[in-house]
Amino acid sequence: MGASSDNIKGVILDVMGRCEGLTNFDMASKWIYLGCDGDSVFEGIQYGVITQTKEQITPFFIGVHYVAHQTNVAILVLSKLSLVMHIESMLQSLYAFFSDSP
């Protein structure tokens, strides 16, 4: 099984139905949002999991792009800058100095 939006949506619905015992009616009235990392499989305008869920299950469904994921991406980009590497090195040195002091 690949990571297509149909497959992912199917797995989510299967888990919610089998493990949580939710019917399609329950999902339509109780399932209001899905948090995701912004990948097009989830947030694609035409075929994403969120779009399919809005069209097929509940029209009031909301997709939420995780802030933690956006922050992680920003940190990964910034950590490659020489200034940031220098500051990080300095902070590690300060930590090592104070952690060894009585």
C-alpha atoms as a PDB file:
ATOM      1  CA  MET A   1       0.000   0.000   0.000  1.00  0.00           C
ATOM      2  CA  GLY A   2       1.461   3.356  -1.027  1.00  0.00           C
ATOM      3  CA  ALA A   3       1.173   6.719   0.658  1.00  0.00           C
ATOM      4  CA  SER A   4      -1.576   8.082  -1.562  1.00  0.00           C
ATOM      5  CA  SER A   5      -4.361  10.215  -0.131  1.00  0.00           C
ATOM      6  CA  ASP A   6      -6.918   7.457  -0.858  1.00  0.00           C
ATOM      7  CA  ASN A   7      -4.869   4.910   1.090  1.00  0.00           C
ATOM      8  CA  ILE A   8      -4.211   7.243   4.017  1.00  0.00           C
ATOM      9  CA  LYS A   9      -7.853   8.289   4.222  1.00  0.00           C
ATOM     10  CA  GLY A  10      -8.874   4.617   4.069  1.00  0.00           C
ATOM     11  CA  VAL A  11      -6.550   3.687   6.936  1.00  0.00           C
ATOM     12  CA  ILE A  12      -7.790   6.595   9.071  1.00  0.00           C
ATOM     13  CA  LEU A  13     -11.434   5.662   8.463  1.00  0.00           C
ATOM     14  CA  ASP A  14     -10.697   1.986   9.099  1.00  0.00           C
ATOM     15  CA  VAL A  15      -9.007   2.729  12.421  1.00  0.00           C
ATOM     16  CA  MET A  16     -11.761   5.106  13.504  1.00  0.00           C
ATOM     17  CA  GLY A  17     -14.407   2.557  12.556  1.00  0.00           C
ATOM     18  CA  ARG A  18     -12.817  -0.592  13.956  1.00  0.00           C
ATOM     19  CA  CYS A  19     -10.935   0.713  16.981  1.00  0.00           C
ATOM     20  CA  GLU A  20     -13.162   3.566  18.032  1.00  0.00           C
ATOM     21  CA  GLY A  21     -16.454   2.047  16.845  1.00  0.00           C
ATOM     22  CA  LEU A  22     -17.484   5.176  14.959  1.00  0.00           C
ATOM     23  CA  THR A  23     -20.014   4.944  12.142  1.00  0.00           C
ATOM     24  CA  ASN A  24     -19.948   7.264   9.122  1.00  0.00           C
ATOM     25  CA  PHE A  25     -22.682   9.315  10.814  1.00  0.00           C
ATOM     26  CA  ASP A  26     -20.573   9.590  13.990  1.00  0.00           C
ATOM     27  CA  MET A  27     -17.558  10.713  11.979  1.00  0.00           C
ATOM     28  CA  ALA A  28     -19.595  13.298  10.089  1.00  0.00           C
ATOM     29  CA  SER A  29     -20.871  14.819  13.320  1.00  0.00           C
ATOM     30  CA  LYS A  30     -17.812  14.450  15.569  1.00  0.00           C
ATOM     31  CA  TRP A  31     -14.666  14.525  13.436  1.00  0.00           C
ATOM     32  CA  ILE A  32     -13.860  18.202  12.954  1.00  0.00           C
ATOM     33  CA  TYR A  33     -10.140  18.504  12.178  1.00  0.00           C
ATOM     34  CA  LEU A  34      -6.977  16.684  11.226  1.00  0.00           C
ATOM     35  CA  GLY A  35      -3.498  17.906  12.081  1.00  0.00           C
ATOM     36  CA  CYS A  36      -0.846  17.293   9.457  1.00  0.00           C
ATOM     37  CA  ASP A  37       2.580  18.370   8.283  1.00  0.00           C
ATOM     38  CA  GLY A  38       1.490  20.271   5.173  1.00  0.00           C
ATOM     39  CA  ASP A  39       2.355  17.556   2.677  1.00  0.00           C
ATOM     40  CA  SER A  40       0.288  17.651  -0.530  1.00  0.00           C
ATOM     41  CA  VAL A  41      -1.021  14.145   0.194  1.00  0.00           C
ATOM     42  CA  PHE A  42      -2.853  15.665   3.161  1.00  0.00           C
ATOM     43  CA  GLU A  43      -3.484  19.229   2.012  1.00  0.00           C
ATOM     44  CA  GLY A  44      -3.738  18.850  -1.777  1.00  0.00           C
ATOM     45  CA  ILE A  45      -6.520  21.028  -3.196  1.00  0.00           C
ATOM     46  CA  GLN A  46      -7.929  18.358  -5.498  1.00  0.00           C
ATOM     47  CA  TYR A  47      -7.057  14.954  -4.020  1.00  0.00           C
ATOM     48  CA  GLY A  48      -5.710  15.547  -0.517  1.00  0.00           C
ATOM     49  CA  VAL A  49      -7.023  13.676   2.500  1.00  0.00           C
ATOM     50  CA  ILE A  50      -8.577  16.866   3.887  1.00  0.00           C
ATOM     51  CA  THR A  51     -10.314  17.715   0.594  1.00  0.00           C
ATOM     52  CA  GLN A  52     -11.640  14.169   0.217  1.00  0.00           C
ATOM     53  CA  THR A  53     -12.885  14.138   3.807  1.00  0.00           C
ATOM     54  CA  LYS A  54     -14.715  17.432   3.284  1.00  0.00           C
ATOM     55  CA  GLU A  55     -16.346  16.144   0.106  1.00  0.00           C
ATOM     56  CA  GLN A  56     -17.191  12.616   1.229  1.00  0.00           C
ATOM     57  CA  ILE A  57     -17.742  12.697   4.995  1.00  0.00           C
ATOM     58  CA  THR A  58     -18.156  16.093   6.636  1.00  0.00           C
ATOM     59  CA  PRO A  59     -18.255  19.484   4.878  1.00  0.00           C
ATOM     60  CA  PHE A  60     -17.126  21.355   7.999  1.00  0.00           C
ATOM     61  CA  PHE A  61     -13.800  19.526   8.246  1.00  0.00           C
ATOM     62  CA  ILE A  62     -10.650  21.606   8.899  1.00  0.00           C
ATOM     63  CA  GLY A  63      -7.037  20.756   8.169  1.00  0.00           C
ATOM     64  CA  VAL A  64      -4.514  22.145  10.652  1.00  0.00           C
ATOM     65  CA  HIS A  65      -0.849  22.574   9.707  1.00  0.00           C
ATOM     66  CA  TYR A  66       1.158  21.732  12.821  1.00  0.00           C
ATOM     67  CA  VAL A  67       3.077  24.694  14.178  1.00  0.00           C
ATOM     68  CA  ALA A  68       5.663  22.354  15.691  1.00  0.00           C
ATOM     69  CA  HIS A  69       6.470  21.009  12.233  1.00  0.00           C
ATOM     70  CA  GLN A  70       6.849  24.520  10.807  1.00  0.00           C
ATOM     71  CA  THR A  71       9.112  25.443  13.721  1.00  0.00           C
ATOM     72  CA  ASN A  72      11.230  22.329  13.177  1.00  0.00           C
ATOM     73  CA  VAL A  73      11.670  23.161   9.481  1.00  0.00           C
ATOM     74  CA  ALA A  74      12.707  26.727  10.377  1.00  0.00           C
ATOM     75  CA  ILE A  75      15.236  25.459  12.919  1.00  0.00           C
ATOM     76  CA  LEU A  76      16.729  23.052  10.392  1.00  0.00           C
ATOM     77  CA  VAL A  77      17.214  25.888   7.904  1.00  0.00           C
ATOM     78  CA  LEU A  78      18.575  28.365  10.452  1.00  0.00           C
ATOM     79  CA  SER A  79      20.955  25.840  12.041  1.00  0.00           C
ATOM     80  CA  LYS A  80      23.010  25.824   8.827  1.00  0.00           C
ATOM     81  CA  LEU A  81      23.870  29.527   9.116  1.00  0.00           C
ATOM     82  CA  SER A  82      27.372  30.235  10.391  1.00  0.00           C
ATOM     83  CA  LEU A  83      26.176  32.845  12.914  1.00  0.00           C
ATOM     84  CA  VAL A  84      23.708  30.387  14.428  1.00  0.00           C
ATOM     85  CA  MET A  85      26.376  27.649  14.548  1.00  0.00           C
ATOM     86  CA  HIS A  86      28.718  30.066  16.337  1.00  0.00           C
ATOM     87  CA  ILE A  87      26.073  31.031  18.909  1.00  0.00           C
ATOM     88  CA  GLU A  88      25.197  27.374  19.468  1.00  0.00           C
ATOM     89  CA  SER A  89      28.854  26.507  20.022  1.00  0.00           C
ATOM     90  CA  MET A  90      29.226  29.384  22.485  1.00  0.00           C
ATOM     91  CA  LEU A  91      26.135  28.271  24.420  1.00  0.00           C
ATOM     92  CA  GLN A  92      27.413  24.683  24.569  1.00  0.00           C
ATOM     93  CA  SER A  93      30.732  25.937  25.932  1.00  0.00           C
ATOM     94  CA  LEU A  94      28.964  28.006  28.576  1.00  0.00           C
ATOM     95  CA  TYR A  95      26.838  25.036  29.559  1.00  0.00           C
ATOM     96  CA  ALA A  96      29.901  22.784  29.842  1.00  0.00           C
ATOM     97  CA  PHE A  97      31.704  25.391  31.972  1.00  0.00           C
ATOM     98  CA  PHE A  98      28.831  25.922  34.415  1.00  0.00           C
ATOM     99  CA  SER A  99      27.798  22.284  34.610  1.00  0.00           C
ATOM    100  CA  ASP A 100      31.314  21.364  35.841  1.00  0.00           C
ATOM    101  CA  SER A 101      31.485  24.134  38.438  1.00  0.00           C
ATOM    102  CA  PRO A 102      30.540  23.471  42.081  1.00  0.00           C
END
